[in-house]
Amino acid sequence: MAMSREDINNYARTSSAKKIKVFGELTWTKLIFLGLIAALFSYGPLSLFAPVPLALGILLYGRLKTFVVTLAFAAISVALQPVLPQATWMSISLGISLLFAALISEIVLRRRAPVQGLILTGTALVCAVVGFSAFAVWISGMDLSSEVTASVTTLFQSVREQNAEILSGGGEESRVLADFLSNPQAFANDIMTWSLSFLFVGVHFTLWVGMFMILRNSLVWRIRHAYPYGLKDLVRYKVPDFFAWPLISGLALYVGGTSIAPWAEAVGGNLLACLGVFFFFQGFGVFLDLLSFLGIRGFFRSLLVISTVFMGWKVLVVAGLFDLWVDFRRFMKTKKNDEGDSL
């Protein structure tokens, strides 16, 4: 059924899928407010959620309007740099957030399955970043290892100067910090070794969080987009069985280490980290089903979810790994197991 112009120019706010209540027109003020939320989120730990209001803006207002508003906030951030030094990072973070928001919204606009869309989009972005970085290094002819070491050494020197009082005061904190700052080469080596897995995990996790929040609030934008998938299609994700083979290979390389080859431990560790993010997705879905099975609702449920994601993520990875063989959901059968769309 075709929507009228009045329907298209409005968005919904409701907790019931049966009755949609019109909240108001899609005005520039509301789009600017979404941009302001993204700008405020773009600095600090909340930057993980900065793509969400921008993705919502794209779904409701379109790509061009959302891009213009984001560009305006980025320009304001740059203008504030003389009085607010961290504003430069805010503008960079806004640009990155807009990229992730565009990728998340494209999954909805192209009506792709959420899991398939995240894997394809995330992997394509990682390959693009790696390819562009490799091309830039090749064109410039720089020694990447030396550049990273020099940057880390400069950073450590700056940290040492900023914490001079702590370092000279003695005590356990001082000794730990001094030991860490005494070997910038080791930290630079770790960056070179694990940068690929950090990039892979960071990209996929950011896309997953954004997609989770967008689907969690899908009633806001479904009046404009007939997306055939819901939150349960994301959280009920199951890792393909063949993932067991690269997992075993990565574990063998990591455990075997230098006895196999000088590069074995690094390759195995990166492979395990990249696979681990998918097992985390599966474990998170199992955890949500467990909370529903136990009847845990409301604020306490949200508190458990947030604390587990950020402090007990290793448990979710292990749960997703063992669910590959055990299938924990068969022990959690209920008469009504449709709570997957609520956090």
C-alpha atoms as a PDB file:
ATOM      1  CA  MET A   1       0.000   0.000   0.000  1.00  0.00           C
ATOM      2  CA  ALA A   2       1.430   3.353  -1.050  1.00  0.00           C
ATOM      3  CA  MET A   3       2.002   5.931   1.681  1.00  0.00           C
ATOM      4  CA  SER A   4       0.606   9.430   1.381  1.00  0.00           C
ATOM      5  CA  ARG A   5       2.919  12.449   1.379  1.00  0.00           C
ATOM      6  CA  GLU A   6       1.750  13.229   4.926  1.00  0.00           C
ATOM      7  CA  ASP A   7       2.695   9.738   6.117  1.00  0.00           C
ATOM      8  CA  ILE A   8       6.117   9.915   4.480  1.00  0.00           C
ATOM      9  CA  ASN A   9       6.807  13.250   6.178  1.00  0.00           C
ATOM     10  CA  ASN A  10       6.220  11.817   9.638  1.00  0.00           C
ATOM     11  CA  TYR A  11       7.800   9.209  11.834  1.00  0.00           C
ATOM     12  CA  ALA A  12       6.391   6.868  14.447  1.00  0.00           C
ATOM     13  CA  ARG A  13       6.815   6.548  18.170  1.00  0.00           C
ATOM     14  CA  THR A  14       5.159   3.591  19.826  1.00  0.00           C
ATOM     15  CA  SER A  15       5.847   0.494  21.917  1.00  0.00           C
ATOM     16  CA  SER A  16       3.226  -1.453  20.060  1.00  0.00           C
ATOM     17  CA  ALA A  17       3.569  -2.763  16.524  1.00  0.00           C
ATOM     18  CA  LYS A  18      -0.234  -2.870  16.211  1.00  0.00           C
ATOM     19  CA  LYS A  19      -0.943   0.846  16.546  1.00  0.00           C
ATOM     20  CA  ILE A  20       1.374   3.518  15.169  1.00  0.00           C
ATOM     21  CA  LYS A  21       1.148   6.987  16.663  1.00  0.00           C
ATOM     22  CA  VAL A  22       2.461   9.892  14.603  1.00  0.00           C
ATOM     23  CA  PHE A  23       4.929  11.930  16.660  1.00  0.00           C
ATOM     24  CA  GLY A  24       5.538  14.863  14.343  1.00  0.00           C
ATOM     25  CA  GLU A  25       6.931  16.134  11.091  1.00  0.00           C
ATOM     26  CA  LEU A  26      10.503  15.489  10.028  1.00  0.00           C
ATOM     27  CA  THR A  27      11.851  18.967  10.570  1.00  0.00           C
ATOM     28  CA  TRP A  28      15.402  20.277  10.264  1.00  0.00           C
ATOM     29  CA  THR A  29      15.375  20.959  14.010  1.00  0.00           C
ATOM     30  CA  LYS A  30      15.047  17.261  14.781  1.00  0.00           C
ATOM     31  CA  LEU A  31      17.771  16.340  12.307  1.00  0.00           C
ATOM     32  CA  ILE A  32      20.072  18.947  13.878  1.00  0.00           C
ATOM     33  CA  PHE A  33      19.284  17.449  17.274  1.00  0.00           C
ATOM     34  CA  LEU A  34      20.365  14.019  15.997  1.00  0.00           C
ATOM     35  CA  GLY A  35      23.569  15.593  14.703  1.00  0.00           C
ATOM     36  CA  LEU A  36      24.142  17.237  18.087  1.00  0.00           C
ATOM     37  CA  ILE A  37      23.771  13.874  19.843  1.00  0.00           C
ATOM     38  CA  ALA A  38      26.327  12.337  17.472  1.00  0.00           C
ATOM     39  CA  ALA A  39      28.709  15.255  18.085  1.00  0.00           C
ATOM     40  CA  LEU A  40      28.399  14.900  21.861  1.00  0.00           C
ATOM     41  CA  PHE A  41      28.933  11.141  21.612  1.00  0.00           C
ATOM     42  CA  SER A  42      31.925  11.497  19.295  1.00  0.00           C
ATOM     43  CA  TYR A  43      34.420  12.104  22.101  1.00  0.00           C
ATOM     44  CA  GLY A  44      35.146   9.533  24.787  1.00  0.00           C
ATOM     45  CA  PRO A  45      33.748   6.046  25.450  1.00  0.00           C
ATOM     46  CA  LEU A  46      30.336   6.925  24.013  1.00  0.00           C
ATOM     47  CA  SER A  47      31.881   7.277  20.541  1.00  0.00           C
ATOM     48  CA  LEU A  48      30.873   3.667  19.940  1.00  0.00           C
ATOM     49  CA  PHE A  49      27.247   4.866  19.776  1.00  0.00           C
ATOM     50  CA  ALA A  50      27.867   8.015  17.704  1.00  0.00           C
ATOM     51  CA  PRO A  51      26.920   6.333  14.372  1.00  0.00           C
ATOM     52  CA  VAL A  52      23.430   5.460  15.690  1.00  0.00           C
ATOM     53  CA  PRO A  53      21.778   8.929  15.535  1.00  0.00           C
ATOM     54  CA  LEU A  54      23.439   9.567  12.161  1.00  0.00           C
ATOM     55  CA  ALA A  55      22.161   6.249  10.776  1.00  0.00           C
ATOM     56  CA  LEU A  56      18.724   7.157  12.093  1.00  0.00           C
ATOM     57  CA  GLY A  57      19.042  10.507  10.338  1.00  0.00           C
ATOM     58  CA  ILE A  58      19.888   8.824   7.027  1.00  0.00           C
ATOM     59  CA  LEU A  59      16.905   6.480   7.308  1.00  0.00           C
ATOM     60  CA  LEU A  60      14.496   9.301   8.153  1.00  0.00           C
ATOM     61  CA  TYR A  61      15.882  12.294   6.237  1.00  0.00           C
ATOM     62  CA  GLY A  62      18.105  10.821   3.537  1.00  0.00           C
ATOM     63  CA  ARG A  63      21.830  10.769   2.881  1.00  0.00           C
ATOM     64  CA  LEU A  64      22.307  14.341   1.640  1.00  0.00           C
ATOM     65  CA  LYS A  65      20.612  16.171   4.530  1.00  0.00           C
ATOM     66  CA  THR A  66      22.375  14.035   7.135  1.00  0.00           C
ATOM     67  CA  PHE A  67      25.729  14.602   5.432  1.00  0.00           C
ATOM     68  CA  VAL A  68      25.173  18.386   5.398  1.00  0.00           C
ATOM     69  CA  VAL A  69      24.304  18.473   9.113  1.00  0.00           C
ATOM     70  CA  THR A  70      27.284  16.286  10.033  1.00  0.00           C
ATOM     71  CA  LEU A  71      29.603  18.446   7.934  1.00  0.00           C
ATOM     72  CA  ALA A  72      28.291  21.538   9.720  1.00  0.00           C
ATOM     73  CA  PHE A  73      29.017  20.074  13.165  1.00  0.00           C
ATOM     74  CA  ALA A  74      32.473  18.966  12.012  1.00  0.00           C
ATOM     75  CA  ALA A  75      33.193  22.527  10.811  1.00  0.00           C
ATOM     76  CA  ILE A  76      32.055  23.906  14.174  1.00  0.00           C
ATOM     77  CA  SER A  77      34.365  21.438  15.930  1.00  0.00           C
ATOM     78  CA  VAL A  78      37.331  22.623  13.856  1.00  0.00           C
ATOM     79  CA  ALA A  79      36.447  26.261  14.585  1.00  0.00           C
ATOM     80  CA  LEU A  80      36.424  25.530  18.325  1.00  0.00           C
ATOM     81  CA  GLN A  81      39.884  23.948  18.236  1.00  0.00           C
ATOM     82  CA  PRO A  82      41.750  27.039  19.580  1.00  0.00           C
ATOM     83  CA  VAL A  83      39.675  27.056  22.787  1.00  0.00           C
ATOM     84  CA  LEU A  84      38.844  23.345  22.902  1.00  0.00           C
ATOM     85  CA  PRO A  85      41.860  21.216  21.849  1.00  0.00           C
ATOM     86  CA  GLN A  86      39.906  17.953  21.765  1.00  0.00           C
ATOM     87  CA  ALA A  87      37.523  19.432  19.195  1.00  0.00           C
ATOM     88  CA  THR A  88      39.853  18.359  16.374  1.00  0.00           C
ATOM     89  CA  TRP A  89      39.390  14.735  17.354  1.00  0.00           C
ATOM     90  CA  MET A  90      35.630  15.315  17.561  1.00  0.00           C
ATOM     91  CA  SER A  91      35.547  16.364  13.910  1.00  0.00           C
ATOM     92  CA  ILE A  92      37.567  13.297  12.869  1.00  0.00           C
ATOM     93  CA  SER A  93      35.341  11.060  14.978  1.00  0.00           C
ATOM     94  CA  LEU A  94      32.244  12.577  13.377  1.00  0.00           C
ATOM     95  CA  GLY A  95      33.583  11.698   9.933  1.00  0.00           C
ATOM     96  CA  ILE A  96      34.265   8.109  10.990  1.00  0.00           C
ATOM     97  CA  SER A  97      30.838   7.893  12.633  1.00  0.00           C
ATOM     98  CA  LEU A  98      29.173   9.118   9.434  1.00  0.00           C
ATOM     99  CA  LEU A  99      30.965   6.375   7.471  1.00  0.00           C
ATOM    100  CA  PHE A 100      29.716   3.679   9.849  1.00  0.00           C
ATOM    101  CA  ALA A 101      26.236   5.208   9.864  1.00  0.00           C
ATOM    102  CA  ALA A 102      26.148   5.100   6.055  1.00  0.00           C
ATOM    103  CA  LEU A 103      27.208   1.442   6.024  1.00  0.00           C
ATOM    104  CA  ILE A 104      24.604   0.487   8.643  1.00  0.00           C
ATOM    105  CA  SER A 105      21.810   2.355   6.888  1.00  0.00           C
ATOM    106  CA  GLU A 106      22.731   0.799   3.528  1.00  0.00           C
ATOM    107  CA  ILE A 107      22.032  -2.647   4.983  1.00  0.00           C
ATOM    108  CA  VAL A 108      18.499  -1.481   5.729  1.00  0.00           C
ATOM    109  CA  LEU A 109      18.006   0.454   2.499  1.00  0.00           C
ATOM    110  CA  ARG A 110      19.186  -2.500   0.391  1.00  0.00           C
ATOM    111  CA  ARG A 111      17.109  -4.911   2.515  1.00  0.00           C
ATOM    112  CA  ARG A 112      20.003  -7.203   3.272  1.00  0.00           C
ATOM    113  CA  ALA A 113      19.875  -9.708   6.124  1.00  0.00           C
ATOM    114  CA  PRO A 114      21.529  -7.992   9.116  1.00  0.00           C
ATOM    115  CA  VAL A 115      24.178 -10.650   9.794  1.00  0.00           C
ATOM    116  CA  GLN A 116      25.087 -11.120   6.136  1.00  0.00           C
ATOM    117  CA  GLY A 117      25.186  -7.370   5.652  1.00  0.00           C
ATOM    118  CA  LEU A 118      27.447  -6.806   8.666  1.00  0.00           C
ATOM    119  CA  ILE A 119      29.920  -9.509   7.667  1.00  0.00           C
ATOM    120  CA  LEU A 120      30.151  -8.402   4.023  1.00  0.00           C
ATOM    121  CA  THR A 121      30.220  -4.686   4.833  1.00  0.00           C
ATOM    122  CA  GLY A 122      32.681  -5.021   7.703  1.00  0.00           C
ATOM    123  CA  THR A 123      35.049  -7.276   5.781  1.00  0.00           C
ATOM    124  CA  ALA A 124      34.921  -4.982   2.742  1.00  0.00           C
ATOM    125  CA  LEU A 125      35.750  -1.965   4.928  1.00  0.00           C
ATOM    126  CA  VAL A 126      38.679  -3.765   6.566  1.00  0.00           C
ATOM    127  CA  CYS A 127      40.050  -4.802   3.165  1.00  0.00           C
ATOM    128  CA  ALA A 128      39.660  -1.234   1.889  1.00  0.00           C
ATOM    129  CA  VAL A 129      41.519   0.241   4.882  1.00  0.00           C
ATOM    130  CA  VAL A 130      44.312  -2.341   4.655  1.00  0.00           C
ATOM    131  CA  GLY A 131      44.612  -1.918   0.895  1.00  0.00           C
ATOM    132  CA  PHE A 132      44.684   1.878   1.072  1.00  0.00           C
ATOM    133  CA  SER A 133      47.253   1.808   3.905  1.00  0.00           C
ATOM    134  CA  ALA A 134      49.476  -0.644   2.033  1.00  0.00           C
ATOM    135  CA  PHE A 135      49.252   1.480  -1.123  1.00  0.00           C
ATOM    136  CA  ALA A 136      50.111   4.656   0.803  1.00  0.00           C
ATOM    137  CA  VAL A 137      53.138   2.976   2.412  1.00  0.00           C
ATOM    138  CA  TRP A 138      54.281   1.634  -0.948  1.00  0.00           C
ATOM    139  CA  ILE A 139      53.913   5.012  -2.690  1.00  0.00           C
ATOM    140  CA  SER A 140      55.672   6.952   0.054  1.00  0.00           C
ATOM    141  CA  GLY A 141      58.404   4.343   0.474  1.00  0.00           C
ATOM    142  CA  MET A 142      58.358   4.773   4.243  1.00  0.00           C
ATOM    143  CA  ASP A 143      59.561   2.174   6.720  1.00  0.00           C
ATOM    144  CA  LEU A 144      56.302   1.496   8.543  1.00  0.00           C
ATOM    145  CA  SER A 145      57.947  -0.223  11.506  1.00  0.00           C
ATOM    146  CA  SER A 146      60.324   2.709  12.065  1.00  0.00           C
ATOM    147  CA  GLU A 147      57.492   5.234  11.766  1.00  0.00           C
ATOM    148  CA  VAL A 148      55.366   3.387  14.336  1.00  0.00           C
ATOM    149  CA  THR A 149      58.322   3.089  16.716  1.00  0.00           C
ATOM    150  CA  ALA A 150      59.111   6.799  16.375  1.00  0.00           C
ATOM    151  CA  SER A 151      55.466   7.752  17.010  1.00  0.00           C
ATOM    152  CA  VAL A 152      55.241   5.505  20.075  1.00  0.00           C
ATOM    153  CA  THR A 153      58.520   6.885  21.437  1.00  0.00           C
ATOM    154  CA  THR A 154      57.210  10.453  21.056  1.00  0.00           C
ATOM    155  CA  LEU A 155      53.937   9.498  22.721  1.00  0.00           C
ATOM    156  CA  PHE A 156      55.693   7.789  25.638  1.00  0.00           C
ATOM    157  CA  GLN A 157      57.907  10.840  26.128  1.00  0.00           C
ATOM    158  CA  SER A 158      54.840  13.067  26.280  1.00  0.00           C
ATOM    159  CA  VAL A 159      53.175  10.753  28.813  1.00  0.00           C
ATOM    160  CA  ARG A 160      56.373  10.690  30.869  1.00  0.00           C
ATOM    161  CA  GLU A 161      56.440  14.500  30.995  1.00  0.00           C
ATOM    162  CA  GLN A 162      52.769  14.767  31.911  1.00  0.00           C
ATOM    163  CA  ASN A 163      53.164  12.236  34.747  1.00  0.00           C
ATOM    164  CA  ALA A 164      56.519  13.423  36.082  1.00  0.00           C
ATOM    165  CA  GLU A 165      55.164  13.866  39.610  1.00  0.00           C
ATOM    166  CA  ILE A 166      53.769  10.331  39.704  1.00  0.00           C
ATOM    167  CA  LEU A 167      56.995   8.827  38.360  1.00  0.00           C
ATOM    168  CA  SER A 168      59.099  10.672  40.916  1.00  0.00           C
ATOM    169  CA  GLY A 169      56.774   9.944  43.821  1.00  0.00           C
ATOM    170  CA  GLY A 170      57.570   6.240  44.109  1.00  0.00           C
ATOM    171  CA  GLY A 171      55.132   3.482  44.989  1.00  0.00           C
ATOM    172  CA  GLU A 172      53.517   0.638  43.074  1.00  0.00           C
ATOM    173  CA  GLU A 173      51.713   2.901  40.587  1.00  0.00           C
ATOM    174  CA  SER A 174      54.950   4.685  39.767  1.00  0.00           C
ATOM    175  CA  ARG A 175      56.855   1.433  39.202  1.00  0.00           C
ATOM    176  CA  VAL A 176      54.159   0.009  36.928  1.00  0.00           C
ATOM    177  CA  LEU A 177      54.016   3.184  34.838  1.00  0.00           C
ATOM    178  CA  ALA A 178      57.820   3.445  34.664  1.00  0.00           C
ATOM    179  CA  ASP A 179      58.144  -0.191  33.520  1.00  0.00           C
ATOM    180  CA  PHE A 180      55.543   0.372  30.817  1.00  0.00           C
ATOM    181  CA  LEU A 181      57.173   3.575  29.533  1.00  0.00           C
ATOM    182  CA  SER A 182      60.673   2.121  29.593  1.00  0.00           C
ATOM    183  CA  ASN A 183      60.189  -0.049  26.509  1.00  0.00           C
ATOM    184  CA  PRO A 184      58.405   1.768  23.658  1.00  0.00           C
ATOM    185  CA  GLN A 185      59.856  -0.724  21.155  1.00  0.00           C
ATOM    186  CA  ALA A 186      57.878  -3.597  22.686  1.00  0.00           C
ATOM    187  CA  PHE A 187      54.647  -1.593  22.493  1.00  0.00           C
ATOM    188  CA  ALA A 188      55.392  -0.654  18.876  1.00  0.00           C
ATOM    189  CA  ASN A 189      55.969  -4.336  18.051  1.00  0.00           C
ATOM    190  CA  ASP A 190      52.616  -5.213  19.617  1.00  0.00           C
ATOM    191  CA  ILE A 191      50.907  -2.591  17.454  1.00  0.00           C
ATOM    192  CA  MET A 192      52.493  -4.014  14.316  1.00  0.00           C
ATOM    193  CA  THR A 193      51.594  -7.571  15.328  1.00  0.00           C
ATOM    194  CA  TRP A 194      47.990  -7.103  16.413  1.00  0.00           C
ATOM    195  CA  SER A 195      46.838  -4.074  14.402  1.00  0.00           C
ATOM    196  CA  LEU A 196      44.968  -6.193  11.840  1.00  0.00           C
ATOM    197  CA  SER A 197      42.901  -8.032  14.453  1.00  0.00           C
ATOM    198  CA  PHE A 198      42.212  -4.761  16.318  1.00  0.00           C
ATOM    199  CA  LEU A 199      40.954  -3.237  13.077  1.00  0.00           C
ATOM    200  CA  PHE A 200      38.843  -6.284  12.158  1.00  0.00           C
ATOM    201  CA  VAL A 201      37.267  -6.624  15.603  1.00  0.00           C
ATOM    202  CA  GLY A 202      36.753  -2.870  16.011  1.00  0.00           C
ATOM    203  CA  VAL A 203      35.023  -2.472  12.646  1.00  0.00           C
ATOM    204  CA  HIS A 204      32.691  -5.450  13.057  1.00  0.00           C
ATOM    205  CA  PHE A 205      31.864  -4.692  16.681  1.00  0.00           C
ATOM    206  CA  THR A 206      31.049  -1.034  15.888  1.00  0.00           C
ATOM    207  CA  LEU A 207      28.815  -2.084  12.996  1.00  0.00           C
ATOM    208  CA  TRP A 208      27.124  -4.705  15.176  1.00  0.00           C
ATOM    209  CA  VAL A 209      26.403  -2.250  18.005  1.00  0.00           C
ATOM    210  CA  GLY A 210      25.005   0.278  15.552  1.00  0.00           C
ATOM    211  CA  MET A 211      22.831  -2.318  13.812  1.00  0.00           C
ATOM    212  CA  PHE A 212      21.611  -3.618  17.165  1.00  0.00           C
ATOM    213  CA  MET A 213      20.513  -0.145  18.280  1.00  0.00           C
ATOM    214  CA  ILE A 214      18.894   0.673  14.921  1.00  0.00           C
ATOM    215  CA  LEU A 215      16.884  -2.575  14.933  1.00  0.00           C
ATOM    216  CA  ARG A 216      16.081  -2.113  18.618  1.00  0.00           C
ATOM    217  CA  ASN A 217      14.376   1.176  17.696  1.00  0.00           C
ATOM    218  CA  SER A 218      13.039   0.083  14.308  1.00  0.00           C
ATOM    219  CA  LEU A 219       9.507   1.354  14.954  1.00  0.00           C
ATOM    220  CA  VAL A 220      10.859   4.878  14.520  1.00  0.00           C
ATOM    221  CA  TRP A 221      11.822   4.340  10.875  1.00  0.00           C
ATOM    222  CA  ARG A 222       9.785   1.337   9.654  1.00  0.00           C
ATOM    223  CA  ILE A 223       7.003   3.637   8.473  1.00  0.00           C
ATOM    224  CA  ARG A 224       9.417   4.753   5.728  1.00  0.00           C
ATOM    225  CA  HIS A 225      11.297   1.504   5.028  1.00  0.00           C
ATOM    226  CA  ALA A 226       9.748  -1.952   4.687  1.00  0.00           C
ATOM    227  CA  TYR A 227      12.782  -3.785   6.051  1.00  0.00           C
ATOM    228  CA  PRO A 228      11.894  -7.497   6.223  1.00  0.00           C
ATOM    229  CA  TYR A 229      14.186  -8.353   9.156  1.00  0.00           C
ATOM    230  CA  GLY A 230      14.100  -7.669  12.878  1.00  0.00           C
ATOM    231  CA  LEU A 231      16.338  -7.745  15.919  1.00  0.00           C
ATOM    232  CA  LYS A 232      15.878 -11.494  16.345  1.00  0.00           C
ATOM    233  CA  ASP A 233      17.488 -12.046  12.940  1.00  0.00           C
ATOM    234  CA  LEU A 234      20.588 -10.341  14.333  1.00  0.00           C
ATOM    235  CA  VAL A 235      20.805 -11.836  17.820  1.00  0.00           C
ATOM    236  CA  ARG A 236      19.838 -15.365  16.762  1.00  0.00           C
ATOM    237  CA  TYR A 237      22.951 -15.475  14.588  1.00  0.00           C
ATOM    238  CA  LYS A 238      24.759 -18.819  14.488  1.00  0.00           C
ATOM    239  CA  VAL A 239      28.340 -19.238  13.323  1.00  0.00           C
ATOM    240  CA  PRO A 240      28.619 -21.680  10.383  1.00  0.00           C
ATOM    241  CA  ASP A 241      29.951 -25.123  11.341  1.00  0.00           C
ATOM    242  CA  PHE A 242      32.950 -24.808   9.022  1.00  0.00           C
ATOM    243  CA  PHE A 243      34.293 -22.031  11.273  1.00  0.00           C
ATOM    244  CA  ALA A 244      35.561 -24.844  13.501  1.00  0.00           C
ATOM    245  CA  TRP A 245      38.390 -25.573  11.036  1.00  0.00           C
ATOM    246  CA  PRO A 246      39.986 -22.103  10.914  1.00  0.00           C
ATOM    247  CA  LEU A 247      39.475 -21.976  14.685  1.00  0.00           C
ATOM    248  CA  ILE A 248      41.454 -25.194  15.161  1.00  0.00           C
ATOM    249  CA  SER A 249      44.113 -23.964  12.733  1.00  0.00           C
ATOM    250  CA  GLY A 250      44.468 -20.650  14.549  1.00  0.00           C
ATOM    251  CA  LEU A 251      44.682 -22.386  17.922  1.00  0.00           C
ATOM    252  CA  ALA A 252      47.354 -24.771  16.645  1.00  0.00           C
ATOM    253  CA  LEU A 253      49.438 -21.915  15.222  1.00  0.00           C
ATOM    254  CA  TYR A 254      49.087 -19.828  18.376  1.00  0.00           C
ATOM    255  CA  VAL A 255      49.926 -22.667  20.778  1.00  0.00           C
ATOM    256  CA  GLY A 256      52.699 -24.038  18.566  1.00  0.00           C
ATOM    257  CA  GLY A 257      54.245 -20.591  18.288  1.00  0.00           C
ATOM    258  CA  THR A 258      57.845 -20.308  17.212  1.00  0.00           C
ATOM    259  CA  SER A 259      58.273 -24.089  17.200  1.00  0.00           C
ATOM    260  CA  ILE A 260      56.258 -24.060  13.958  1.00  0.00           C
ATOM    261  CA  ALA A 261      57.546 -20.828  12.397  1.00  0.00           C
ATOM    262  CA  PRO A 262      58.552 -17.324  13.565  1.00  0.00           C
ATOM    263  CA  TRP A 263      55.261 -15.912  12.290  1.00  0.00           C
ATOM    264  CA  ALA A 264      52.993 -18.709  13.579  1.00  0.00           C
ATOM    265  CA  GLU A 265      52.018 -17.182  16.929  1.00  0.00           C
ATOM    266  CA  ALA A 266      51.118 -13.804  15.413  1.00  0.00           C
ATOM    267  CA  VAL A 267      49.091 -15.341  12.574  1.00  0.00           C
ATOM    268  CA  GLY A 268      47.308 -17.738  14.917  1.00  0.00           C
ATOM    269  CA  GLY A 269      46.539 -15.017  17.460  1.00  0.00           C
ATOM    270  CA  ASN A 270      45.140 -12.654  14.831  1.00  0.00           C
ATOM    271  CA  LEU A 271      43.033 -15.439  13.339  1.00  0.00           C
ATOM    272  CA  LEU A 272      41.603 -16.338  16.768  1.00  0.00           C
ATOM    273  CA  ALA A 273      40.804 -12.687  17.519  1.00  0.00           C
ATOM    274  CA  CYS A 274      39.033 -12.203  14.176  1.00  0.00           C
ATOM    275  CA  LEU A 275      36.981 -15.372  14.629  1.00  0.00           C
ATOM    276  CA  GLY A 276      36.278 -14.462  18.254  1.00  0.00           C
ATOM    277  CA  VAL A 277      34.138 -11.478  17.295  1.00  0.00           C
ATOM    278  CA  PHE A 278      31.690 -13.783  15.473  1.00  0.00           C
ATOM    279  CA  PHE A 279      31.527 -16.174  18.419  1.00  0.00           C
ATOM    280  CA  PHE A 280      30.839 -13.123  20.595  1.00  0.00           C
ATOM    281  CA  PHE A 281      27.803 -12.291  18.442  1.00  0.00           C
ATOM    282  CA  GLN A 282      26.515 -15.838  18.835  1.00  0.00           C
ATOM    283  CA  GLY A 283      27.199 -15.880  22.582  1.00  0.00           C
ATOM    284  CA  PHE A 284      25.389 -12.583  23.028  1.00  0.00           C
ATOM    285  CA  GLY A 285      22.276 -14.021  21.376  1.00  0.00           C
ATOM    286  CA  VAL A 286      22.422 -17.054  23.665  1.00  0.00           C
ATOM    287  CA  PHE A 287      22.777 -14.728  26.664  1.00  0.00           C
ATOM    288  CA  LEU A 288      19.689 -12.719  25.664  1.00  0.00           C
ATOM    289  CA  ASP A 289      17.688 -15.927  25.277  1.00  0.00           C
ATOM    290  CA  LEU A 290      18.884 -17.047  28.708  1.00  0.00           C
ATOM    291  CA  LEU A 291      17.674 -13.788  30.278  1.00  0.00           C
ATOM    292  CA  SER A 292      14.287 -14.228  28.568  1.00  0.00           C
ATOM    293  CA  PHE A 293      14.110 -17.849  29.720  1.00  0.00           C
ATOM    294  CA  LEU A 294      14.807 -16.760  33.316  1.00  0.00           C
ATOM    295  CA  GLY A 295      12.171 -14.033  33.076  1.00  0.00           C
ATOM    296  CA  ILE A 296      14.610 -11.152  33.665  1.00  0.00           C
ATOM    297  CA  ARG A 297      13.105  -7.919  32.363  1.00  0.00           C
ATOM    298  CA  GLY A 298      13.360  -4.163  32.631  1.00  0.00           C
ATOM    299  CA  PHE A 299      16.205  -2.105  34.015  1.00  0.00           C
ATOM    300  CA  PHE A 300      17.963  -5.046  35.657  1.00  0.00           C
ATOM    301  CA  ARG A 301      18.052  -6.854  32.318  1.00  0.00           C
ATOM    302  CA  SER A 302      19.594  -3.798  30.608  1.00  0.00           C
ATOM    303  CA  LEU A 303      22.138  -3.476  33.427  1.00  0.00           C
ATOM    304  CA  LEU A 304      23.144  -7.129  33.075  1.00  0.00           C
ATOM    305  CA  VAL A 305      23.470  -6.834  29.302  1.00  0.00           C
ATOM    306  CA  ILE A 306      25.629  -3.692  29.396  1.00  0.00           C
ATOM    307  CA  SER A 307      27.904  -4.962  32.188  1.00  0.00           C
ATOM    308  CA  THR A 308      28.335  -8.362  30.519  1.00  0.00           C
ATOM    309  CA  VAL A 309      29.191  -6.874  27.116  1.00  0.00           C
ATOM    310  CA  PHE A 310      31.899  -4.605  28.507  1.00  0.00           C
ATOM    311  CA  MET A 311      33.222  -6.660  31.432  1.00  0.00           C
ATOM    312  CA  GLY A 312      32.313 -10.260  30.647  1.00  0.00           C
ATOM    313  CA  TRP A 313      32.769 -10.344  26.879  1.00  0.00           C
ATOM    314  CA  LYS A 314      35.174 -13.274  27.147  1.00  0.00           C
ATOM    315  CA  VAL A 315      32.396 -15.341  28.709  1.00  0.00           C
ATOM    316  CA  LEU A 316      30.159 -14.526  25.730  1.00  0.00           C
ATOM    317  CA  VAL A 317      32.905 -15.584  23.312  1.00  0.00           C
ATOM    318  CA  VAL A 318      33.310 -18.924  25.124  1.00  0.00           C
ATOM    319  CA  ALA A 319      29.522 -19.392  25.226  1.00  0.00           C
ATOM    320  CA  GLY A 320      29.293 -18.759  21.492  1.00  0.00           C
ATOM    321  CA  LEU A 321      32.158 -21.166  20.871  1.00  0.00           C
ATOM    322  CA  PHE A 322      30.615 -24.035  22.824  1.00  0.00           C
ATOM    323  CA  ASP A 323      27.169 -23.295  21.372  1.00  0.00           C
ATOM    324  CA  LEU A 324      28.645 -24.404  18.056  1.00  0.00           C
ATOM    325  CA  TRP A 325      28.438 -27.981  19.379  1.00  0.00           C
ATOM    326  CA  VAL A 326      26.070 -27.876  22.368  1.00  0.00           C
ATOM    327  CA  ASP A 327      23.178 -25.683  21.081  1.00  0.00           C
ATOM    328  CA  PHE A 328      22.253 -24.110  24.413  1.00  0.00           C
ATOM    329  CA  ARG A 329      18.896 -22.866  23.138  1.00  0.00           C
ATOM    330  CA  ARG A 330      17.449 -26.374  23.123  1.00  0.00           C
ATOM    331  CA  PHE A 331      17.588 -26.250  26.919  1.00  0.00           C
ATOM    332  CA  MET A 332      15.681 -22.954  27.011  1.00  0.00           C
ATOM    333  CA  LYS A 333      12.422 -23.847  25.300  1.00  0.00           C
ATOM    334  CA  THR A 334       9.470 -21.693  26.393  1.00  0.00           C
ATOM    335  CA  LYS A 335       5.898 -21.412  25.269  1.00  0.00           C
ATOM    336  CA  LYS A 336       6.530 -17.866  24.097  1.00  0.00           C
ATOM    337  CA  ASN A 337      10.093 -17.202  23.115  1.00  0.00           C
ATOM    338  CA  ASP A 338       9.632 -13.949  21.222  1.00  0.00           C
ATOM    339  CA  GLU A 339      11.413 -11.557  23.543  1.00  0.00           C
ATOM    340  CA  GLY A 340      14.391 -11.210  21.213  1.00  0.00           C
ATOM    341  CA  ASP A 341      13.318  -7.716  20.183  1.00  0.00           C
ATOM    342  CA  SER A 342      13.682  -6.276  23.658  1.00  0.00           C
ATOM    343  CA  LEU A 343      16.863  -5.518  25.497  1.00  0.00           C
END
